[in-house]
Amino acid sequence: TVLRILDIDAIRYRPGDPGEVVLSRILDALE
């Protein structure tokens, strides 16, 4: 599930993105 979330276009995880930045994007999307 986490891998699928990271693959969502709006989240746009890219290797090297700081984990806290990606987490912040996900929390913003959930909010």
PDB file of all heavy atoms in Angstrom:
ATOM      1  N   THR A   1       0.833  -1.207   0.000  1.00  0.00           N
ATOM      2  CA  THR A   1       0.000   0.000   0.000  1.00  0.00           C
ATOM      3  C   THR A   1       0.867   1.255   0.000  1.00  0.00           C
ATOM      4  O   THR A   1       0.603   2.196  -0.754  1.00  0.00           O
ATOM      5  CB  THR A   1      -0.949   0.000   1.216  1.00  0.00           C
ATOM      6  OG1 THR A   1      -1.827  -1.125   1.105  1.00  0.00           O
ATOM      7  CG2 THR A   1      -1.762   1.279   1.292  1.00  0.00           C
ATOM      8  N   VAL A   2       1.908   1.258   0.816  1.00  0.00           N
ATOM      9  CA  VAL A   2       2.806   2.417   0.852  1.00  0.00           C
ATOM     10  C   VAL A   2       3.449   2.613  -0.523  1.00  0.00           C
ATOM     11  O   VAL A   2       3.523   3.742  -1.028  1.00  0.00           O
ATOM     12  CB  VAL A   2       3.881   2.262   1.943  1.00  0.00           C
ATOM     13  CG1 VAL A   2       4.957   3.334   1.804  1.00  0.00           C
ATOM     14  CG2 VAL A   2       3.255   2.327   3.321  1.00  0.00           C
ATOM     15  N   LEU A   3       3.893   1.530  -1.149  1.00  0.00           N
ATOM     16  CA  LEU A   3       4.510   1.645  -2.473  1.00  0.00           C
ATOM     17  C   LEU A   3       3.521   2.209  -3.495  1.00  0.00           C
ATOM     18  O   LEU A   3       3.896   3.031  -4.334  1.00  0.00           O
ATOM     19  CB  LEU A   3       5.044   0.284  -2.926  1.00  0.00           C
ATOM     20  CG  LEU A   3       6.251  -0.220  -2.128  1.00  0.00           C
ATOM     21  CD1 LEU A   3       6.550  -1.674  -2.470  1.00  0.00           C
ATOM     22  CD2 LEU A   3       7.468   0.660  -2.374  1.00  0.00           C
ATOM     23  N   ARG A   4       2.252   1.806  -3.406  1.00  0.00           N
ATOM     24  CA  ARG A   4       1.239   2.352  -4.332  1.00  0.00           C
ATOM     25  C   ARG A   4       0.997   3.833  -4.053  1.00  0.00           C
ATOM     26  O   ARG A   4       0.833   4.620  -4.984  1.00  0.00           O
ATOM     27  CB  ARG A   4      -0.061   1.554  -4.233  1.00  0.00           C
ATOM     28  CG  ARG A   4       0.021   0.196  -4.908  1.00  0.00           C
ATOM     29  CD  ARG A   4      -1.339  -0.456  -5.100  1.00  0.00           C
ATOM     30  NE  ARG A   4      -2.100  -0.602  -3.869  1.00  0.00           N
ATOM     31  CZ  ARG A   4      -1.976  -1.617  -3.005  1.00  0.00           C
ATOM     32  NH1 ARG A   4      -1.113  -2.574  -3.241  1.00  0.00           N
ATOM     33  NH2 ARG A   4      -2.714  -1.673  -1.922  1.00  0.00           N
ATOM     34  N   ILE A   5       0.971   4.214  -2.789  1.00  0.00           N
ATOM     35  CA  ILE A   5       0.782   5.627  -2.442  1.00  0.00           C
ATOM     36  C   ILE A   5       1.934   6.465  -2.995  1.00  0.00           C
ATOM     37  O   ILE A   5       1.726   7.541  -3.551  1.00  0.00           O
ATOM     38  CB  ILE A   5       0.654   5.810  -0.916  1.00  0.00           C
ATOM     39  CG1 ILE A   5      -0.680   5.241  -0.432  1.00  0.00           C
ATOM     40  CG2 ILE A   5       0.798   7.279  -0.513  1.00  0.00           C
ATOM     41  CD1 ILE A   5      -0.796   5.102   1.069  1.00  0.00           C
ATOM     42  N   LEU A   6       3.144   5.970  -2.852  1.00  0.00           N
ATOM     43  CA  LEU A   6       4.305   6.712  -3.345  1.00  0.00           C
ATOM     44  C   LEU A   6       4.297   6.862  -4.856  1.00  0.00           C
ATOM     45  O   LEU A   6       4.952   7.752  -5.400  1.00  0.00           O
ATOM     46  CB  LEU A   6       5.600   6.033  -2.893  1.00  0.00           C
ATOM     47  CG  LEU A   6       5.869   6.071  -1.388  1.00  0.00           C
ATOM     48  CD1 LEU A   6       7.098   5.247  -1.048  1.00  0.00           C
ATOM     49  CD2 LEU A   6       5.996   7.497  -0.886  1.00  0.00           C
ATOM     50  N   ASP A   7       3.537   6.020  -5.536  1.00  0.00           N
ATOM     51  CA  ASP A   7       3.452   6.054  -6.993  1.00  0.00           C
ATOM     52  C   ASP A   7       2.329   6.960  -7.509  1.00  0.00           C
ATOM     53  O   ASP A   7       2.204   7.177  -8.709  1.00  0.00           O
ATOM     54  CB  ASP A   7       3.258   4.629  -7.520  1.00  0.00           C
ATOM     55  CG  ASP A   7       3.661   4.478  -8.967  1.00  0.00           C
ATOM     56  OD1 ASP A   7       4.626   5.144  -9.391  1.00  0.00           O
ATOM     57  OD2 ASP A   7       3.001   3.692  -9.680  1.00  0.00           O
ATOM     58  N   ILE A   8       1.517   7.516  -6.615  1.00  0.00           N
ATOM     59  CA  ILE A   8       0.425   8.407  -7.013  1.00  0.00           C
ATOM     60  C   ILE A   8       1.019   9.697  -7.579  1.00  0.00           C
ATOM     61  O   ILE A   8       1.927  10.291  -6.992  1.00  0.00           O
ATOM     62  CB  ILE A   8      -0.494   8.718  -5.815  1.00  0.00           C
ATOM     63  CG1 ILE A   8      -1.208   7.444  -5.362  1.00  0.00           C
ATOM     64  CG2 ILE A   8      -1.496   9.824  -6.159  1.00  0.00           C
ATOM     65  CD1 ILE A   8      -1.985   7.598  -4.065  1.00  0.00           C
ATOM     66  N   ASP A   9       0.502  10.133  -8.728  1.00  0.00           N
ATOM     67  CA  ASP A   9       1.032  11.333  -9.394  1.00  0.00           C
ATOM     68  C   ASP A   9       1.084  12.551  -8.475  1.00  0.00           C
ATOM     69  O   ASP A   9       2.063  13.296  -8.492  1.00  0.00           O
ATOM     70  CB  ASP A   9       0.204  11.679 -10.634  1.00  0.00           C
ATOM     71  CG  ASP A   9       0.487  10.749 -11.803  1.00  0.00           C
ATOM     72  OD1 ASP A   9       1.552  10.080 -11.805  1.00  0.00           O
ATOM     73  OD2 ASP A   9      -0.355  10.684 -12.713  1.00  0.00           O
ATOM     74  N   ALA A  10       0.049  12.770  -7.673  1.00  0.00           N
ATOM     75  CA  ALA A  10       0.010  13.956  -6.816  1.00  0.00           C
ATOM     76  C   ALA A  10       1.073  13.910  -5.712  1.00  0.00           C
ATOM     77  O   ALA A  10       1.473  14.955  -5.207  1.00  0.00           O
ATOM     78  CB  ALA A  10      -1.374  14.111  -6.187  1.00  0.00           C
ATOM     79  N   ILE A  11       1.529  12.730  -5.358  1.00  0.00           N
ATOM     80  CA  ILE A  11       2.553  12.609  -4.314  1.00  0.00           C
ATOM     81  C   ILE A  11       3.935  12.765  -4.919  1.00  0.00           C
ATOM     82  O   ILE A  11       4.822  13.384  -4.347  1.00  0.00           O
ATOM     83  CB  ILE A  11       2.429  11.254  -3.573  1.00  0.00           C
ATOM     84  CG1 ILE A  11       1.037  11.106  -2.950  1.00  0.00           C
ATOM     85  CG2 ILE A  11       3.533  11.094  -2.536  1.00  0.00           C
ATOM     86  CD1 ILE A  11       0.624  12.217  -2.009  1.00  0.00           C
ATOM     87  N   ARG A  12       4.118  12.200  -6.078  1.00  0.00           N
ATOM     88  CA  ARG A  12       5.359  12.325  -6.856  1.00  0.00           C
ATOM     89  C   ARG A  12       6.628  12.032  -6.077  1.00  0.00           C
ATOM     90  O   ARG A  12       7.556  12.833  -6.059  1.00  0.00           O
ATOM     91  CB  ARG A  12       5.460  13.709  -7.471  1.00  0.00           C
ATOM     92  CG  ARG A  12       4.481  13.878  -8.577  1.00  0.00           C
ATOM     93  CD  ARG A  12       4.967  14.915  -9.565  1.00  0.00           C
ATOM     94  NE  ARG A  12       3.868  15.183 -10.480  1.00  0.00           N
ATOM     95  CZ  ARG A  12       3.184  16.301 -10.495  1.00  0.00           C
ATOM     96  NH1 ARG A  12       3.513  17.279  -9.709  1.00  0.00           N
ATOM     97  NH2 ARG A  12       2.196  16.449 -11.335  1.00  0.00           N
ATOM     98  N   TYR A  13       6.679  10.877  -5.427  1.00  0.00           N
ATOM     99  CA  TYR A  13       7.931  10.480  -4.780  1.00  0.00           C
ATOM    100  C   TYR A  13       8.990  10.243  -5.850  1.00  0.00           C
ATOM    101  O   TYR A  13       8.744   9.618  -6.871  1.00  0.00           O
ATOM    102  CB  TYR A  13       7.747   9.196  -3.961  1.00  0.00           C
ATOM    103  CG  TYR A  13       9.070   8.580  -3.596  1.00  0.00           C
ATOM    104  CD1 TYR A  13       9.857   9.147  -2.603  1.00  0.00           C
ATOM    105  CD2 TYR A  13       9.554   7.478  -4.269  1.00  0.00           C
ATOM    106  CE1 TYR A  13      11.095   8.622  -2.290  1.00  0.00           C
ATOM    107  CE2 TYR A  13      10.785   6.933  -3.964  1.00  0.00           C
ATOM    108  CZ  TYR A  13      11.549   7.504  -2.973  1.00  0.00           C
ATOM    109  OH  TYR A  13      12.765   6.979  -2.678  1.00  0.00           O
ATOM    110  N   ARG A  14      10.155  10.785  -5.616  1.00  0.00           N
ATOM    111  CA  ARG A  14      11.323  10.540  -6.474  1.00  0.00           C
ATOM    112  C   ARG A  14      12.453  10.084  -5.574  1.00  0.00           C
ATOM    113  O   ARG A  14      12.626  10.633  -4.483  1.00  0.00           O
ATOM    114  CB  ARG A  14      11.715  11.824  -7.209  1.00  0.00           C
ATOM    115  CG  ARG A  14      10.691  12.251  -8.252  1.00  0.00           C
ATOM    116  CD  ARG A  14      10.984  13.675  -8.737  1.00  0.00           C
ATOM    117  NE  ARG A  14      10.944  14.656  -7.657  1.00  0.00           N
ATOM    118  CZ  ARG A  14       9.882  15.395  -7.344  1.00  0.00           C
ATOM    119  NH1 ARG A  14       8.788  15.303  -8.037  1.00  0.00           N
ATOM    120  NH2 ARG A  14       9.934  16.268  -6.358  1.00  0.00           N
ATOM    121  N   PRO A  15      13.223   9.070  -6.002  1.00  0.00           N
ATOM    122  CA  PRO A  15      14.336   8.634  -5.170  1.00  0.00           C
ATOM    123  C   PRO A  15      15.196   9.831  -4.767  1.00  0.00           C
ATOM    124  O   PRO A  15      15.488  10.704  -5.574  1.00  0.00           O
ATOM    125  CB  PRO A  15      15.113   7.675  -6.088  1.00  0.00           C
ATOM    126  CG  PRO A  15      14.049   7.138  -7.014  1.00  0.00           C
ATOM    127  CD  PRO A  15      13.122   8.305  -7.248  1.00  0.00           C
ATOM    128  N   GLY A  16      15.525   9.864  -3.504  1.00  0.00           N
ATOM    129  CA  GLY A  16      16.311  10.969  -2.973  1.00  0.00           C
ATOM    130  C   GLY A  16      15.474  12.035  -2.297  1.00  0.00           C
ATOM    131  O   GLY A  16      16.012  12.864  -1.570  1.00  0.00           O
ATOM    132  N   ASP A  17      14.142  12.039  -2.544  1.00  0.00           N
ATOM    133  CA  ASP A  17      13.286  12.989  -1.832  1.00  0.00           C
ATOM    134  C   ASP A  17      13.367  12.693  -0.337  1.00  0.00           C
ATOM    135  O   ASP A  17      13.232  11.534   0.068  1.00  0.00           O
ATOM    136  CB  ASP A  17      11.815  12.843  -2.261  1.00  0.00           C
ATOM    137  CG  ASP A  17      11.497  13.477  -3.593  1.00  0.00           C
ATOM    138  OD1 ASP A  17      12.365  14.168  -4.152  1.00  0.00           O
ATOM    139  OD2 ASP A  17      10.364  13.274  -4.073  1.00  0.00           O
ATOM    140  N   PRO A  18      13.584  13.695   0.506  1.00  0.00           N
ATOM    141  CA  PRO A  18      13.613  13.440   1.946  1.00  0.00           C
ATOM    142  C   PRO A  18      12.282  12.851   2.411  1.00  0.00           C
ATOM    143  O   PRO A  18      11.203  13.306   2.009  1.00  0.00           O
ATOM    144  CB  PRO A  18      13.837  14.830   2.551  1.00  0.00           C
ATOM    145  CG  PRO A  18      14.452  15.628   1.439  1.00  0.00           C
ATOM    146  CD  PRO A  18      13.862  15.080   0.171  1.00  0.00           C
ATOM    147  N   GLY A  19      12.365  11.835   3.236  1.00  0.00           N
ATOM    148  CA  GLY A  19      11.163  11.157   3.721  1.00  0.00           C
ATOM    149  C   GLY A  19      10.169  12.096   4.377  1.00  0.00           C
ATOM    150  O   GLY A  19       8.966  11.976   4.177  1.00  0.00           O
ATOM    151  N   GLU A  20      10.667  13.041   5.155  1.00  0.00           N
ATOM    152  CA  GLU A  20       9.770  13.984   5.840  1.00  0.00           C
ATOM    153  C   GLU A  20       9.028  14.878   4.851  1.00  0.00           C
ATOM    154  O   GLU A  20       7.884  15.268   5.098  1.00  0.00           O
ATOM    155  CB  GLU A  20      10.548  14.823   6.855  1.00  0.00           C
ATOM    156  CG  GLU A  20      11.096  14.024   8.023  1.00  0.00           C
ATOM    157  CD  GLU A  20      10.014  13.410   8.906  1.00  0.00           C
ATOM    158  OE1 GLU A  20       8.901  13.955   8.985  1.00  0.00           O
ATOM    159  OE2 GLU A  20      10.306  12.372   9.526  1.00  0.00           O
ATOM    160  N   VAL A  21       9.648  15.198   3.726  1.00  0.00           N
ATOM    161  CA  VAL A  21       8.989  16.010   2.696  1.00  0.00           C
ATOM    162  C   VAL A  21       7.871  15.200   2.049  1.00  0.00           C
ATOM    163  O   VAL A  21       6.763  15.693   1.831  1.00  0.00           O
ATOM    164  CB  VAL A  21      10.007  16.506   1.643  1.00  0.00           C
ATOM    165  CG1 VAL A  21       9.313  17.151   0.464  1.00  0.00           C
ATOM    166  CG2 VAL A  21      10.997  17.460   2.283  1.00  0.00           C
ATOM    167  N   VAL A  22       8.152  13.940   1.742  1.00  0.00           N
ATOM    168  CA  VAL A  22       7.138  13.066   1.139  1.00  0.00           C
ATOM    169  C   VAL A  22       5.989  12.864   2.127  1.00  0.00           C
ATOM    170  O   VAL A  22       4.818  12.933   1.750  1.00  0.00           O
ATOM    171  CB  VAL A  22       7.754  11.722   0.712  1.00  0.00           C
ATOM    172  CG1 VAL A  22       6.688  10.795   0.152  1.00  0.00           C
ATOM    173  CG2 VAL A  22       8.864  11.935  -0.309  1.00  0.00           C
ATOM    174  N   LEU A  23       6.318  12.623   3.381  1.00  0.00           N
ATOM    175  CA  LEU A  23       5.292  12.462   4.408  1.00  0.00           C
ATOM    176  C   LEU A  23       4.419  13.711   4.491  1.00  0.00           C
ATOM    177  O   LEU A  23       3.191  13.620   4.561  1.00  0.00           O
ATOM    178  CB  LEU A  23       5.936  12.168   5.762  1.00  0.00           C
ATOM    179  CG  LEU A  23       4.989  12.094   6.960  1.00  0.00           C
ATOM    180  CD1 LEU A  23       3.933  11.023   6.768  1.00  0.00           C
ATOM    181  CD2 LEU A  23       5.792  11.841   8.237  1.00  0.00           C
ATOM    182  N   SER A  24       5.022  14.874   4.439  1.00  0.00           N
ATOM    183  CA  SER A  24       4.271  16.125   4.479  1.00  0.00           C
ATOM    184  C   SER A  24       3.307  16.231   3.294  1.00  0.00           C
ATOM    185  O   SER A  24       2.156  16.648   3.449  1.00  0.00           O
ATOM    186  CB  SER A  24       5.236  17.310   4.495  1.00  0.00           C
ATOM    187  OG  SER A  24       4.528  18.517   4.492  1.00  0.00           O
ATOM    188  N   ARG A  25       3.776  15.849   2.104  1.00  0.00           N
ATOM    189  CA  ARG A  25       2.895  15.854   0.919  1.00  0.00           C
ATOM    190  C   ARG A  25       1.700  14.935   1.121  1.00  0.00           C
ATOM    191  O   ARG A  25       0.570  15.282   0.777  1.00  0.00           O
ATOM    192  CB  ARG A  25       3.661  15.368  -0.314  1.00  0.00           C
ATOM    193  CG  ARG A  25       4.449  16.399  -1.010  1.00  0.00           C
ATOM    194  CD  ARG A  25       5.015  15.810  -2.310  1.00  0.00           C
ATOM    195  NE  ARG A  25       6.360  16.285  -2.469  1.00  0.00           N
ATOM    196  CZ  ARG A  25       7.387  15.590  -2.892  1.00  0.00           C
ATOM    197  NH1 ARG A  25       7.247  14.339  -3.249  1.00  0.00           N
ATOM    198  NH2 ARG A  25       8.568  16.137  -2.989  1.00  0.00           N
ATOM    199  N   ILE A  26       1.964  13.746   1.659  1.00  0.00           N
ATOM    200  CA  ILE A  26       0.884  12.776   1.867  1.00  0.00           C
ATOM    201  C   ILE A  26      -0.110  13.303   2.888  1.00  0.00           C
ATOM    202  O   ILE A  26      -1.329  13.218   2.690  1.00  0.00           O
ATOM    203  CB  ILE A  26       1.456  11.406   2.269  1.00  0.00           C
ATOM    204  CG1 ILE A  26       2.197  10.799   1.080  1.00  0.00           C
ATOM    205  CG2 ILE A  26       0.353  10.469   2.760  1.00  0.00           C
ATOM    206  CD1 ILE A  26       3.019   9.563   1.411  1.00  0.00           C
ATOM    207  N   LEU A  27       0.382  13.872   3.982  1.00  0.00           N
ATOM    208  CA  LEU A  27      -0.521  14.431   4.992  1.00  0.00           C
ATOM    209  C   LEU A  27      -1.334  15.589   4.416  1.00  0.00           C
ATOM    210  O   LEU A  27      -2.537  15.713   4.692  1.00  0.00           O
ATOM    211  CB  LEU A  27       0.268  14.873   6.225  1.00  0.00           C
ATOM    212  CG  LEU A  27       0.883  13.735   7.052  1.00  0.00           C
ATOM    213  CD1 LEU A  27       1.819  14.295   8.110  1.00  0.00           C
ATOM    214  CD2 LEU A  27      -0.192  12.851   7.664  1.00  0.00           C
ATOM    215  N   ASP A  28      -0.716  16.415   3.579  1.00  0.00           N
ATOM    216  CA  ASP A  28      -1.450  17.503   2.922  1.00  0.00           C
ATOM    217  C   ASP A  28      -2.540  16.941   2.010  1.00  0.00           C
ATOM    218  O   ASP A  28      -3.662  17.471   1.969  1.00  0.00           O
ATOM    219  CB  ASP A  28      -0.510  18.383   2.098  1.00  0.00           C
ATOM    220  CG  ASP A  28       0.391  19.267   2.953  1.00  0.00           C
ATOM    221  OD1 ASP A  28       0.145  19.382   4.177  1.00  0.00           O
ATOM    222  OD2 ASP A  28       1.355  19.827   2.390  1.00  0.00           O
ATOM    223  N   ALA A  29      -2.225  15.865   1.279  1.00  0.00           N
ATOM    224  CA  ALA A  29      -3.209  15.249   0.386  1.00  0.00           C
ATOM    225  C   ALA A  29      -4.361  14.648   1.183  1.00  0.00           C
ATOM    226  O   ALA A  29      -5.532  14.788   0.804  1.00  0.00           O
ATOM    227  CB  ALA A  29      -2.541  14.173  -0.478  1.00  0.00           C
ATOM    228  N   LEU A  30      -4.049  14.002   2.309  1.00  0.00           N
ATOM    229  CA  LEU A  30      -5.103  13.428   3.152  1.00  0.00           C
ATOM    230  C   LEU A  30      -5.981  14.521   3.758  1.00  0.00           C
ATOM    231  O   LEU A  30      -7.205  14.379   3.822  1.00  0.00           O
ATOM    232  CB  LEU A  30      -4.481  12.565   4.261  1.00  0.00           C
ATOM    233  CG  LEU A  30      -3.833  11.266   3.809  1.00  0.00           C
ATOM    234  CD1 LEU A  30      -3.053  10.627   4.961  1.00  0.00           C
ATOM    235  CD2 LEU A  30      -4.869  10.303   3.255  1.00  0.00           C
ATOM    236  N   GLU A  31      -5.364  15.609   4.182  1.00  0.00           N
ATOM    237  CA  GLU A  31      -6.124  16.717   4.752  1.00  0.00           C
ATOM    238  C   GLU A  31      -7.035  17.352   3.698  1.00  0.00           C
ATOM    239  O   GLU A  31      -8.200  17.662   3.966  1.00  0.00           O
ATOM    240  CB  GLU A  31      -5.176  17.758   5.331  1.00  0.00           C
ATOM    241  CG  GLU A  31      -5.883  18.845   6.126  1.00  0.00           C
ATOM    242  CD  GLU A  31      -4.888  19.688   6.890  1.00  0.00           C
ATOM    243  OE1 GLU A  31      -4.115  20.423   6.231  1.00  0.00           O
ATOM    244  OE2 GLU A  31      -4.882  19.602   8.128  1.00  0.00           O
TER     245      GLU A  31
END
